[in-house]
Amino acid sequence: SATAAASSWKRRASHAGSWYTDNASVLEKQLTDWLANASKSSGSNEDNNDGASDPVVDMRDCGSLKAIISPHAGYRYSGSVAAYSYRLLAQAIDSLSSNAPVRVFILAPSHHYRLNGCALSSADCLATPLGDLAVDLATVSALNSAGKFEILSRNCDEAEHSVEMQLPYVAMATAKLRASGRFAGVVPILVGQCSPAQTAFYADLLAPHLLDPASLFVVSSDFCHWGRRFRYTWRDPDPQRAGEPIWQGIERLDRLGMRAIESLEAGQFADYLDNFGNTICGRKPIALLLSTLAAAGGGNRWTMRFLRYAQSSKCFSEEDSSVSYAAGALFSR
């Protein structure tokens, strides 16, 4: 698989023009507006389409940003939510004091390809309408030399949207770095089904990067996929909740999951998934992040906060369906 990484090719922005606009100036304005709105209304909910009330998160004592959790749906559904975490990523990049080249790891699920373990891209460059992003080939090569990664075929790579939907925001956040030659590149990693031993192995590999001030992480995940078309129609069994709209139960379910993630205990998140089966598509990348925290020496230096939550639509009957989106941020002191 090492030879696969040697041929150079550029991954095209295969979902531009459908999942998000391929017009660079329109895209830049959309993202800029969403980022501005996120900084203006952090914690307030005047524009949240589900009536959910997000807590106002005081981040002053949380420390410095290390990772974000961001959705990966079409931008008209989740672009405004993603802005809440990318606003912080951009600020973190701008406030880095050292001149070390910055790299951005993207941990993302595989939707089309049954993946055992983790996989690396063989591309050396990722196209976006806002400019090309280099892949950090040195880091990819070092990870690959551990012998436990698959290398994605070009077809699998370009069919997958979970990394690509992060890239326009990453391009915005790294624009100054790239202009000044201080961007080491992106490290895209697809996270598949991992045994506990595999998870521990990958967590040990990633832990030094999580501790490196010049490395930042993006975890790509949507939250609950509810409805018959997703084969998931969980309802709260509490008889006192029998009359409530379905969407409120979905929100409560998602917020229980967010609390489990905020506990930073991989076991607590695993128990939550076992209990409720919530269709969080990025559960494997999230679980890997939590395990990497433990491998990096867990403890109270880390803080996870969820900043924003929304649903694609409100479900009132079993005929309806929705996908939930959440923006999260991990800080280290």
C-alpha atoms as a PDB file:
ATOM      1  CA  SER A   1       0.000   0.000   0.000  1.00  0.00           C
ATOM      2  CA  ALA A   2       3.012   2.321   0.363  1.00  0.00           C
ATOM      3  CA  THR A   3       3.362   2.387  -3.421  1.00  0.00           C
ATOM      4  CA  ALA A   4      -0.284   3.443  -3.742  1.00  0.00           C
ATOM      5  CA  ALA A   5       0.586   6.672  -1.964  1.00  0.00           C
ATOM      6  CA  ALA A   6       3.426   7.403  -4.374  1.00  0.00           C
ATOM      7  CA  SER A   7       1.319   8.267  -7.447  1.00  0.00           C
ATOM      8  CA  SER A   8       0.178  11.868  -7.200  1.00  0.00           C
ATOM      9  CA  TRP A   9      -3.407  12.900  -7.900  1.00  0.00           C
ATOM     10  CA  LYS A  10      -5.832  15.593  -6.838  1.00  0.00           C
ATOM     11  CA  ARG A  11      -9.129  14.580  -5.243  1.00  0.00           C
ATOM     12  CA  ARG A  12     -11.857  16.494  -7.030  1.00  0.00           C
ATOM     13  CA  ALA A  13     -14.620  18.313  -5.126  1.00  0.00           C
ATOM     14  CA  SER A  14     -17.104  15.642  -6.208  1.00  0.00           C
ATOM     15  CA  HIS A  15     -20.048  17.000  -4.167  1.00  0.00           C
ATOM     16  CA  ALA A  16     -19.636  20.652  -5.211  1.00  0.00           C
ATOM     17  CA  GLY A  17     -22.576  21.764  -7.332  1.00  0.00           C
ATOM     18  CA  SER A  18     -24.974  19.441  -5.479  1.00  0.00           C
ATOM     19  CA  TRP A  19     -24.347  19.296  -1.722  1.00  0.00           C
ATOM     20  CA  TYR A  20     -22.962  22.842  -1.765  1.00  0.00           C
ATOM     21  CA  THR A  21     -22.415  25.482  -4.422  1.00  0.00           C
ATOM     22  CA  ASP A  22     -19.443  25.183  -6.754  1.00  0.00           C
ATOM     23  CA  ASN A  23     -19.431  28.971  -7.248  1.00  0.00           C
ATOM     24  CA  ALA A  24     -16.447  30.211  -5.229  1.00  0.00           C
ATOM     25  CA  SER A  25     -17.722  33.733  -4.544  1.00  0.00           C
ATOM     26  CA  VAL A  26     -21.217  32.522  -3.566  1.00  0.00           C
ATOM     27  CA  LEU A  27     -19.698  29.836  -1.319  1.00  0.00           C
ATOM     28  CA  GLU A  28     -17.307  32.260   0.345  1.00  0.00           C
ATOM     29  CA  LYS A  29     -20.166  34.675   1.069  1.00  0.00           C
ATOM     30  CA  GLN A  30     -22.347  31.875   2.496  1.00  0.00           C
ATOM     31  CA  LEU A  31     -19.609  30.658   4.832  1.00  0.00           C
ATOM     32  CA  THR A  32     -18.632  34.208   5.826  1.00  0.00           C
ATOM     33  CA  ASP A  33     -22.258  35.030   6.665  1.00  0.00           C
ATOM     34  CA  TRP A  34     -22.730  31.842   8.688  1.00  0.00           C
ATOM     35  CA  LEU A  35     -19.481  32.465  10.595  1.00  0.00           C
ATOM     36  CA  ALA A  36     -20.522  36.054  11.322  1.00  0.00           C
ATOM     37  CA  ASN A  37     -23.931  34.888  12.504  1.00  0.00           C
ATOM     38  CA  ALA A  38     -22.328  32.267  14.750  1.00  0.00           C
ATOM     39  CA  SER A  39     -20.121  34.843  16.452  1.00  0.00           C
ATOM     40  CA  LYS A  40     -23.051  37.222  16.834  1.00  0.00           C
ATOM     41  CA  SER A  41     -25.503  34.694  18.230  1.00  0.00           C
ATOM     42  CA  SER A  42     -23.324  32.153  20.024  1.00  0.00           C
ATOM     43  CA  GLY A  43     -25.690  30.562  22.479  1.00  0.00           C
ATOM     44  CA  SER A  44     -28.813  32.453  21.419  1.00  0.00           C
ATOM     45  CA  ASN A  45     -31.413  30.772  19.300  1.00  0.00           C
ATOM     46  CA  GLU A  46     -33.366  33.284  17.306  1.00  0.00           C
ATOM     47  CA  ASP A  47     -32.659  31.469  14.051  1.00  0.00           C
ATOM     48  CA  ASN A  48     -32.769  27.851  15.162  1.00  0.00           C
ATOM     49  CA  ASN A  49     -35.342  26.000  13.107  1.00  0.00           C
ATOM     50  CA  ASP A  50     -36.286  23.514  15.799  1.00  0.00           C
ATOM     51  CA  GLY A  51     -36.988  25.804  18.727  1.00  0.00           C
ATOM     52  CA  ALA A  52     -34.204  24.105  20.667  1.00  0.00           C
ATOM     53  CA  SER A  53     -32.495  26.196  23.283  1.00  0.00           C
ATOM     54  CA  ASP A  54     -28.733  25.906  23.182  1.00  0.00           C
ATOM     55  CA  PRO A  55     -26.932  26.833  26.369  1.00  0.00           C
ATOM     56  CA  VAL A  56     -24.764  29.919  26.318  1.00  0.00           C
ATOM     57  CA  VAL A  57     -21.314  28.388  26.579  1.00  0.00           C
ATOM     58  CA  ASP A  58     -18.719  30.342  28.510  1.00  0.00           C
ATOM     59  CA  MET A  59     -15.450  29.300  26.917  1.00  0.00           C
ATOM     60  CA  ARG A  60     -13.136  31.711  28.713  1.00  0.00           C
ATOM     61  CA  ASP A  61     -11.807  29.160  31.187  1.00  0.00           C
ATOM     62  CA  CYS A  62     -11.859  26.151  28.839  1.00  0.00           C
ATOM     63  CA  GLY A  63      -8.327  26.606  27.500  1.00  0.00           C
ATOM     64  CA  SER A  64      -7.195  26.396  23.895  1.00  0.00           C
ATOM     65  CA  LEU A  65      -9.149  24.677  21.135  1.00  0.00           C
ATOM     66  CA  LYS A  66      -7.868  21.225  20.101  1.00  0.00           C
ATOM     67  CA  ALA A  67     -10.718  19.660  18.124  1.00  0.00           C
ATOM     68  CA  ILE A  68     -14.184  20.318  16.784  1.00  0.00           C
ATOM     69  CA  ILE A  69     -17.176  18.128  15.978  1.00  0.00           C
ATOM     70  CA  SER A  70     -18.945  19.328  12.853  1.00  0.00           C
ATOM     71  CA  PRO A  71     -21.815  17.989  10.697  1.00  0.00           C
ATOM     72  CA  HIS A  72     -21.356  16.862   7.097  1.00  0.00           C
ATOM     73  CA  ALA A  73     -24.775  17.244   5.459  1.00  0.00           C
ATOM     74  CA  GLY A  74     -25.629  19.471   2.522  1.00  0.00           C
ATOM     75  CA  TYR A  75     -24.816  23.049   3.479  1.00  0.00           C
ATOM     76  CA  ARG A  76     -28.420  24.233   3.267  1.00  0.00           C
ATOM     77  CA  TYR A  77     -29.151  21.851   6.140  1.00  0.00           C
ATOM     78  CA  SER A  78     -26.052  22.006   8.311  1.00  0.00           C
ATOM     79  CA  GLY A  79     -23.745  24.769   7.065  1.00  0.00           C
ATOM     80  CA  SER A  80     -25.036  27.267   9.609  1.00  0.00           C
ATOM     81  CA  VAL A  81     -24.494  24.792  12.481  1.00  0.00           C
ATOM     82  CA  ALA A  82     -20.949  23.914  11.359  1.00  0.00           C
ATOM     83  CA  ALA A  83     -20.058  27.617  11.537  1.00  0.00           C
ATOM     84  CA  TYR A  84     -20.318  27.517  15.352  1.00  0.00           C
ATOM     85  CA  SER A  85     -17.364  25.135  15.595  1.00  0.00           C
ATOM     86  CA  TYR A  86     -15.395  26.475  12.606  1.00  0.00           C
ATOM     87  CA  ARG A  87     -15.525  29.994  14.029  1.00  0.00           C
ATOM     88  CA  LEU A  88     -13.496  28.663  16.979  1.00  0.00           C
ATOM     89  CA  LEU A  89     -11.146  26.678  14.729  1.00  0.00           C
ATOM     90  CA  ALA A  90     -10.361  29.813  12.714  1.00  0.00           C
ATOM     91  CA  GLN A  91      -9.758  31.798  15.927  1.00  0.00           C
ATOM     92  CA  ALA A  92      -7.497  29.049  17.288  1.00  0.00           C
ATOM     93  CA  ILE A  93      -5.426  29.012  14.102  1.00  0.00           C
ATOM     94  CA  ASP A  94      -5.125  32.806  14.112  1.00  0.00           C
ATOM     95  CA  SER A  95      -3.972  32.826  17.743  1.00  0.00           C
ATOM     96  CA  LEU A  96      -1.281  30.120  17.446  1.00  0.00           C
ATOM     97  CA  SER A  97       1.897  31.694  18.768  1.00  0.00           C
ATOM     98  CA  SER A  98       4.519  29.454  17.183  1.00  0.00           C
ATOM     99  CA  ASN A  99       5.515  29.535  13.532  1.00  0.00           C
ATOM    100  CA  ALA A 100       5.356  25.746  13.255  1.00  0.00           C
ATOM    101  CA  PRO A 101       3.407  24.588  10.186  1.00  0.00           C
ATOM    102  CA  VAL A 102      -0.182  23.756  11.136  1.00  0.00           C
ATOM    103  CA  ARG A 103      -1.897  20.507  10.168  1.00  0.00           C
ATOM    104  CA  VAL A 104      -5.589  19.639  10.350  1.00  0.00           C
ATOM    105  CA  PHE A 105      -6.612  16.025  10.953  1.00  0.00           C
ATOM    106  CA  ILE A 106     -10.099  15.079   9.754  1.00  0.00           C
ATOM    107  CA  LEU A 107     -11.592  11.945  11.339  1.00  0.00           C
ATOM    108  CA  ALA A 108     -14.665  10.914   9.377  1.00  0.00           C
ATOM    109  CA  PRO A 109     -16.979   7.924   8.917  1.00  0.00           C
ATOM    110  CA  SER A 110     -17.195   5.744   5.820  1.00  0.00           C
ATOM    111  CA  HIS A 111     -20.692   5.749   4.292  1.00  0.00           C
ATOM    112  CA  HIS A 112     -20.172   3.688   1.124  1.00  0.00           C
ATOM    113  CA  TYR A 113     -17.357   1.317   1.895  1.00  0.00           C
ATOM    114  CA  ARG A 114     -17.301  -1.396   4.558  1.00  0.00           C
ATOM    115  CA  LEU A 115     -14.135  -0.486   6.355  1.00  0.00           C
ATOM    116  CA  ASN A 116     -12.401  -2.572   8.989  1.00  0.00           C
ATOM    117  CA  GLY A 117     -10.037  -0.269  10.884  1.00  0.00           C
ATOM    118  CA  CYS A 118      -8.981   3.093   9.453  1.00  0.00           C
ATOM    119  CA  ALA A 119      -8.088   4.245   5.958  1.00  0.00           C
ATOM    120  CA  LEU A 120      -5.902   7.019   4.552  1.00  0.00           C
ATOM    121  CA  SER A 121      -6.339   8.968   1.330  1.00  0.00           C
ATOM    122  CA  SER A 122      -3.769   8.422  -1.411  1.00  0.00           C
ATOM    123  CA  ALA A 123      -4.418  11.892  -2.864  1.00  0.00           C
ATOM    124  CA  ASP A 124      -1.752  14.548  -2.404  1.00  0.00           C
ATOM    125  CA  CYS A 125      -4.165  17.425  -2.845  1.00  0.00           C
ATOM    126  CA  LEU A 126      -7.871  18.045  -2.121  1.00  0.00           C
ATOM    127  CA  ALA A 127      -9.740  20.408  -4.436  1.00  0.00           C
ATOM    128  CA  THR A 128     -12.318  22.864  -3.070  1.00  0.00           C
ATOM    129  CA  PRO A 129     -14.072  25.746  -4.853  1.00  0.00           C
ATOM    130  CA  LEU A 130     -12.061  28.010  -2.494  1.00  0.00           C
ATOM    131  CA  GLY A 131      -8.670  26.647  -3.537  1.00  0.00           C
ATOM    132  CA  ASP A 132      -6.749  23.406  -3.224  1.00  0.00           C
ATOM    133  CA  LEU A 133      -5.726  22.009   0.159  1.00  0.00           C
ATOM    134  CA  ALA A 134      -2.453  20.090   0.347  1.00  0.00           C
ATOM    135  CA  VAL A 135      -2.461  16.713   2.057  1.00  0.00           C
ATOM    136  CA  ASP A 136       0.263  16.461   4.718  1.00  0.00           C
ATOM    137  CA  LEU A 137       2.070  13.625   2.937  1.00  0.00           C
ATOM    138  CA  ALA A 138       4.805  13.289   5.569  1.00  0.00           C
ATOM    139  CA  THR A 139       2.255  12.647   8.324  1.00  0.00           C
ATOM    140  CA  VAL A 140       0.145  10.347   6.117  1.00  0.00           C
ATOM    141  CA  SER A 141       3.277   8.374   5.222  1.00  0.00           C
ATOM    142  CA  ALA A 142       4.339   8.119   8.884  1.00  0.00           C
ATOM    143  CA  LEU A 143       0.879   6.859   9.882  1.00  0.00           C
ATOM    144  CA  ASN A 144       0.827   4.409   6.972  1.00  0.00           C
ATOM    145  CA  SER A 145       4.213   2.996   7.999  1.00  0.00           C
ATOM    146  CA  ALA A 146       2.524   1.642  11.152  1.00  0.00           C
ATOM    147  CA  GLY A 147       1.063  -0.983   8.809  1.00  0.00           C
ATOM    148  CA  LYS A 148      -2.518  -0.838  10.074  1.00  0.00           C
ATOM    149  CA  PHE A 149      -4.183   1.527   7.584  1.00  0.00           C
ATOM    150  CA  GLU A 150      -5.950   0.780   4.334  1.00  0.00           C
ATOM    151  CA  ILE A 151      -5.343   3.136   1.418  1.00  0.00           C
ATOM    152  CA  LEU A 152      -8.568   4.348  -0.194  1.00  0.00           C
ATOM    153  CA  SER A 153      -9.061   3.866  -3.898  1.00  0.00           C
ATOM    154  CA  ARG A 154      -9.762   7.039  -5.835  1.00  0.00           C
ATOM    155  CA  ASN A 155     -13.366   5.922  -6.443  1.00  0.00           C
ATOM    156  CA  CYS A 156     -14.042   5.292  -2.742  1.00  0.00           C
ATOM    157  CA  ASP A 157     -12.348   8.563  -1.813  1.00  0.00           C
ATOM    158  CA  GLU A 158     -14.397  10.683  -4.225  1.00  0.00           C
ATOM    159  CA  ALA A 159     -17.682   8.892  -3.445  1.00  0.00           C
ATOM    160  CA  GLU A 160     -17.370   9.731   0.267  1.00  0.00           C
ATOM    161  CA  HIS A 161     -18.750  13.091   1.445  1.00  0.00           C
ATOM    162  CA  SER A 162     -17.827  13.050   5.148  1.00  0.00           C
ATOM    163  CA  VAL A 163     -14.349  14.569   4.653  1.00  0.00           C
ATOM    164  CA  GLU A 164     -15.229  16.759   1.681  1.00  0.00           C
ATOM    165  CA  MET A 165     -18.040  18.612   3.479  1.00  0.00           C
ATOM    166  CA  GLN A 166     -15.444  19.897   5.988  1.00  0.00           C
ATOM    167  CA  LEU A 167     -12.996  21.166   3.368  1.00  0.00           C
ATOM    168  CA  PRO A 168     -14.517  24.536   2.332  1.00  0.00           C
ATOM    169  CA  TYR A 169     -14.618  25.592   6.001  1.00  0.00           C
ATOM    170  CA  VAL A 170     -11.052  24.301   6.499  1.00  0.00           C
ATOM    171  CA  ALA A 171     -10.016  26.304   3.416  1.00  0.00           C
ATOM    172  CA  MET A 172     -11.542  29.458   4.959  1.00  0.00           C
ATOM    173  CA  ALA A 173      -9.899  28.833   8.343  1.00  0.00           C
ATOM    174  CA  THR A 174      -6.448  28.189   6.824  1.00  0.00           C
ATOM    175  CA  ALA A 175      -6.447  30.896   4.114  1.00  0.00           C
ATOM    176  CA  LYS A 176      -3.872  33.108   5.895  1.00  0.00           C
ATOM    177  CA  LEU A 177      -1.681  30.126   6.784  1.00  0.00           C
ATOM    178  CA  ARG A 178      -1.671  28.900   3.200  1.00  0.00           C
ATOM    179  CA  ALA A 179      -0.851  32.377   1.890  1.00  0.00           C
ATOM    180  CA  SER A 180       2.150  32.556   4.236  1.00  0.00           C
ATOM    181  CA  GLY A 181       3.332  28.982   3.586  1.00  0.00           C
ATOM    182  CA  ARG A 182       2.591  27.838   7.136  1.00  0.00           C
ATOM    183  CA  PHE A 183       0.034  25.135   6.332  1.00  0.00           C
ATOM    184  CA  ALA A 184       1.465  21.608   6.560  1.00  0.00           C
ATOM    185  CA  GLY A 185      -1.754  20.207   5.121  1.00  0.00           C
ATOM    186  CA  VAL A 186      -4.787  18.080   5.848  1.00  0.00           C
ATOM    187  CA  VAL A 187      -4.619  14.517   7.203  1.00  0.00           C
ATOM    188  CA  PRO A 188      -7.903  12.824   6.201  1.00  0.00           C
ATOM    189  CA  ILE A 189      -8.642   9.560   8.034  1.00  0.00           C
ATOM    190  CA  LEU A 190     -11.744   7.425   7.469  1.00  0.00           C
ATOM    191  CA  VAL A 191     -12.649   5.529  10.636  1.00  0.00           C
ATOM    192  CA  GLY A 192     -14.418   2.195  10.180  1.00  0.00           C
ATOM    193  CA  GLN A 193     -15.338  -0.679  12.458  1.00  0.00           C
ATOM    194  CA  CYS A 194     -12.575  -0.984  15.063  1.00  0.00           C
ATOM    195  CA  SER A 195     -12.035  -3.682  17.674  1.00  0.00           C
ATOM    196  CA  PRO A 196     -10.952  -2.436  21.125  1.00  0.00           C
ATOM    197  CA  ALA A 197      -7.370  -3.446  20.248  1.00  0.00           C
ATOM    198  CA  GLN A 198      -7.498  -1.536  16.941  1.00  0.00           C
ATOM    199  CA  THR A 199      -8.967   1.525  18.658  1.00  0.00           C
ATOM    200  CA  ALA A 200      -6.171   1.468  21.251  1.00  0.00           C
ATOM    201  CA  PHE A 201      -3.561   1.146  18.480  1.00  0.00           C
ATOM    202  CA  TYR A 202      -4.903   4.126  16.479  1.00  0.00           C
ATOM    203  CA  ALA A 203      -5.387   6.174  19.666  1.00  0.00           C
ATOM    204  CA  ASP A 204      -1.722   5.654  20.605  1.00  0.00           C
ATOM    205  CA  LEU A 205      -0.669   6.761  17.099  1.00  0.00           C
ATOM    206  CA  LEU A 206      -2.820   9.903  17.193  1.00  0.00           C
ATOM    207  CA  ALA A 207      -2.192  10.926  20.826  1.00  0.00           C
ATOM    208  CA  PRO A 208       1.147  12.721  20.141  1.00  0.00           C
ATOM    209  CA  HIS A 209      -0.599  14.763  17.435  1.00  0.00           C
ATOM    210  CA  LEU A 210      -3.438  15.659  19.797  1.00  0.00           C
ATOM    211  CA  LEU A 211      -0.777  16.967  22.207  1.00  0.00           C
ATOM    212  CA  ASP A 212       1.016  18.906  19.446  1.00  0.00           C
ATOM    213  CA  PRO A 213       0.007  22.607  19.567  1.00  0.00           C
ATOM    214  CA  ALA A 214       0.327  22.854  15.764  1.00  0.00           C
ATOM    215  CA  SER A 215      -2.145  20.013  15.096  1.00  0.00           C
ATOM    216  CA  LEU A 216      -5.915  20.499  15.184  1.00  0.00           C
ATOM    217  CA  PHE A 217      -8.636  17.890  14.737  1.00  0.00           C
ATOM    218  CA  VAL A 218     -12.006  17.933  12.979  1.00  0.00           C
ATOM    219  CA  VAL A 219     -14.421  15.085  13.737  1.00  0.00           C
ATOM    220  CA  SER A 220     -17.097  14.764  11.058  1.00  0.00           C
ATOM    221  CA  SER A 221     -20.494  13.590  12.333  1.00  0.00           C
ATOM    222  CA  ASP A 222     -24.214  14.176  12.071  1.00  0.00           C
ATOM    223  CA  PHE A 223     -26.459  13.125  14.961  1.00  0.00           C
ATOM    224  CA  CYS A 224     -29.782  11.246  14.979  1.00  0.00           C
ATOM    225  CA  HIS A 225     -31.120   9.998  11.628  1.00  0.00           C
ATOM    226  CA  TRP A 226     -34.769   9.424  12.530  1.00  0.00           C
ATOM    227  CA  GLY A 227     -37.546   7.892  10.438  1.00  0.00           C
ATOM    228  CA  ARG A 228     -38.496   4.738   8.597  1.00  0.00           C
ATOM    229  CA  ARG A 229     -36.125   5.512   5.755  1.00  0.00           C
ATOM    230  CA  PHE A 230     -33.275   5.322   8.283  1.00  0.00           C
ATOM    231  CA  ARG A 231     -34.830   2.242   9.953  1.00  0.00           C
ATOM    232  CA  TYR A 232     -34.731   4.098  13.261  1.00  0.00           C
ATOM    233  CA  THR A 233     -37.938   5.267  14.939  1.00  0.00           C
ATOM    234  CA  TRP A 234     -37.015   5.387  18.627  1.00  0.00           C
ATOM    235  CA  ARG A 235     -39.725   6.791  20.914  1.00  0.00           C
ATOM    236  CA  ASP A 236     -39.333   7.647  24.587  1.00  0.00           C
ATOM    237  CA  PRO A 237     -40.941   4.764  26.540  1.00  0.00           C
ATOM    238  CA  ASP A 238     -41.830   7.094  29.446  1.00  0.00           C
ATOM    239  CA  PRO A 239     -45.680   7.203  29.503  1.00  0.00           C
ATOM    240  CA  GLN A 240     -45.545  10.803  30.731  1.00  0.00           C
ATOM    241  CA  ARG A 241     -43.883  11.724  27.410  1.00  0.00           C
ATOM    242  CA  ALA A 242     -46.559   9.982  25.318  1.00  0.00           C
ATOM    243  CA  GLY A 243     -48.149  13.208  24.084  1.00  0.00           C
ATOM    244  CA  GLU A 244     -45.030  15.153  23.177  1.00  0.00           C
ATOM    245  CA  PRO A 245     -44.012  15.810  19.551  1.00  0.00           C
ATOM    246  CA  ILE A 246     -41.524  13.259  18.231  1.00  0.00           C
ATOM    247  CA  TRP A 247     -38.896  15.923  17.470  1.00  0.00           C
ATOM    248  CA  GLN A 248     -38.652  16.871  21.147  1.00  0.00           C
ATOM    249  CA  GLY A 249     -37.863  13.264  22.070  1.00  0.00           C
ATOM    250  CA  ILE A 250     -35.214  13.167  19.344  1.00  0.00           C
ATOM    251  CA  GLU A 251     -33.615  16.302  20.757  1.00  0.00           C
ATOM    252  CA  ARG A 252     -33.568  14.851  24.268  1.00  0.00           C
ATOM    253  CA  LEU A 253     -31.998  11.651  22.898  1.00  0.00           C
ATOM    254  CA  ASP A 254     -29.315  13.640  21.047  1.00  0.00           C
ATOM    255  CA  ARG A 255     -28.559  15.787  24.097  1.00  0.00           C
ATOM    256  CA  LEU A 256     -28.060  12.648  26.204  1.00  0.00           C
ATOM    257  CA  GLY A 257     -25.494  11.613  23.603  1.00  0.00           C
ATOM    258  CA  MET A 258     -23.810  15.013  23.730  1.00  0.00           C
ATOM    259  CA  ARG A 259     -23.591  14.731  27.511  1.00  0.00           C
ATOM    260  CA  ALA A 260     -21.986  11.295  27.167  1.00  0.00           C
ATOM    261  CA  ILE A 261     -19.431  12.777  24.740  1.00  0.00           C
ATOM    262  CA  GLU A 262     -18.834  15.753  27.059  1.00  0.00           C
ATOM    263  CA  SER A 263     -18.002  13.260  29.833  1.00  0.00           C
ATOM    264  CA  LEU A 264     -14.944  12.395  27.662  1.00  0.00           C
ATOM    265  CA  GLU A 265     -15.363   8.768  28.770  1.00  0.00           C
ATOM    266  CA  ALA A 266     -15.301   6.412  25.787  1.00  0.00           C
ATOM    267  CA  GLY A 267     -17.129   3.823  27.918  1.00  0.00           C
ATOM    268  CA  GLN A 268     -19.960   6.210  28.747  1.00  0.00           C
ATOM    269  CA  PHE A 269     -20.470   7.015  25.052  1.00  0.00           C
ATOM    270  CA  ALA A 270     -20.368   3.284  24.173  1.00  0.00           C
ATOM    271  CA  ASP A 271     -22.991   2.542  26.862  1.00  0.00           C
ATOM    272  CA  TYR A 272     -25.209   5.317  25.493  1.00  0.00           C
ATOM    273  CA  LEU A 273     -25.005   3.844  21.973  1.00  0.00           C
ATOM    274  CA  ASP A 274     -25.747   0.351  23.336  1.00  0.00           C
ATOM    275  CA  ASN A 275     -28.760   1.613  25.288  1.00  0.00           C
ATOM    276  CA  PHE A 276     -30.383   3.761  22.605  1.00  0.00           C
ATOM    277  CA  GLY A 277     -28.853   2.703  19.286  1.00  0.00           C
ATOM    278  CA  ASN A 278     -28.861   6.362  18.237  1.00  0.00           C
ATOM    279  CA  THR A 279     -27.934   6.655  14.555  1.00  0.00           C
ATOM    280  CA  ILE A 280     -24.992   9.033  15.063  1.00  0.00           C
ATOM    281  CA  CYS A 281     -23.117   8.364  11.817  1.00  0.00           C
ATOM    282  CA  GLY A 282     -19.776   9.614  13.172  1.00  0.00           C
ATOM    283  CA  ARG A 283     -19.914   7.488  16.306  1.00  0.00           C
ATOM    284  CA  LYS A 284     -16.691   5.658  15.339  1.00  0.00           C
ATOM    285  CA  PRO A 285     -14.608   8.823  14.747  1.00  0.00           C
ATOM    286  CA  ILE A 286     -16.067  10.315  17.961  1.00  0.00           C
ATOM    287  CA  ALA A 287     -15.185   7.140  19.885  1.00  0.00           C
ATOM    288  CA  LEU A 288     -11.654   7.247  18.438  1.00  0.00           C
ATOM    289  CA  LEU A 289     -11.251  10.871  19.561  1.00  0.00           C
ATOM    290  CA  LEU A 290     -12.348   9.937  23.110  1.00  0.00           C
ATOM    291  CA  SER A 291      -9.913   7.002  23.159  1.00  0.00           C
ATOM    292  CA  THR A 292      -7.132   9.258  21.836  1.00  0.00           C
ATOM    293  CA  LEU A 293      -7.792  11.669  24.720  1.00  0.00           C
ATOM    294  CA  ALA A 294      -7.331   8.829  27.190  1.00  0.00           C
ATOM    295  CA  ALA A 295      -4.123   7.748  25.416  1.00  0.00           C
ATOM    296  CA  ALA A 296      -2.865  11.346  25.585  1.00  0.00           C
ATOM    297  CA  GLY A 297      -3.278  11.278  29.369  1.00  0.00           C
ATOM    298  CA  GLY A 298      -6.943  12.139  30.001  1.00  0.00           C
ATOM    299  CA  GLY A 299      -7.857  13.902  33.193  1.00  0.00           C
ATOM    300  CA  ASN A 300      -9.269  17.328  33.806  1.00  0.00           C
ATOM    301  CA  ARG A 301      -7.091  19.217  31.326  1.00  0.00           C
ATOM    302  CA  TRP A 302      -9.675  18.499  28.595  1.00  0.00           C
ATOM    303  CA  THR A 303     -13.125  20.058  28.239  1.00  0.00           C
ATOM    304  CA  MET A 304     -15.742  19.272  25.591  1.00  0.00           C
ATOM    305  CA  ARG A 305     -18.643  21.663  24.947  1.00  0.00           C
ATOM    306  CA  PHE A 306     -21.512  21.492  22.472  1.00  0.00           C
ATOM    307  CA  LEU A 307     -22.339  24.909  21.068  1.00  0.00           C
ATOM    308  CA  ARG A 308     -25.232  24.442  18.674  1.00  0.00           C
ATOM    309  CA  TYR A 309     -27.930  21.929  17.772  1.00  0.00           C
ATOM    310  CA  ALA A 310     -30.500  21.797  14.983  1.00  0.00           C
ATOM    311  CA  GLN A 311     -32.705  19.359  13.089  1.00  0.00           C
ATOM    312  CA  SER A 312     -33.281  19.277   9.330  1.00  0.00           C
ATOM    313  CA  SER A 313     -37.039  19.291   9.993  1.00  0.00           C
ATOM    314  CA  LYS A 314     -39.452  18.568  12.839  1.00  0.00           C
ATOM    315  CA  CYS A 315     -40.898  15.078  13.081  1.00  0.00           C
ATOM    316  CA  PHE A 316     -44.507  14.761  14.210  1.00  0.00           C
ATOM    317  CA  SER A 317     -45.390  11.313  12.832  1.00  0.00           C
ATOM    318  CA  GLU A 318     -43.749   8.048  11.814  1.00  0.00           C
ATOM    319  CA  GLU A 319     -44.068   9.199   8.200  1.00  0.00           C
ATOM    320  CA  ASP A 320     -41.651  12.079   8.868  1.00  0.00           C
ATOM    321  CA  SER A 321     -37.871  11.907   8.927  1.00  0.00           C
ATOM    322  CA  SER A 322     -35.101  14.188  10.095  1.00  0.00           C
ATOM    323  CA  VAL A 323     -31.359  14.385  10.618  1.00  0.00           C
ATOM    324  CA  SER A 324     -29.874  16.213  13.603  1.00  0.00           C
ATOM    325  CA  TYR A 325     -26.730  18.337  13.561  1.00  0.00           C
ATOM    326  CA  ALA A 326     -24.482  19.491  16.391  1.00  0.00           C
ATOM    327  CA  ALA A 327     -21.372  21.651  16.660  1.00  0.00           C
ATOM    328  CA  GLY A 328     -18.912  20.747  19.396  1.00  0.00           C
ATOM    329  CA  ALA A 329     -15.502  21.906  20.579  1.00  0.00           C
ATOM    330  CA  LEU A 330     -12.744  20.237  22.597  1.00  0.00           C
ATOM    331  CA  PHE A 331     -10.388  22.425  24.623  1.00  0.00           C
ATOM    332  CA  SER A 332      -7.188  21.682  26.521  1.00  0.00           C
ATOM    333  CA  ARG A 333      -5.735  23.589  29.437  1.00  0.00           C
END
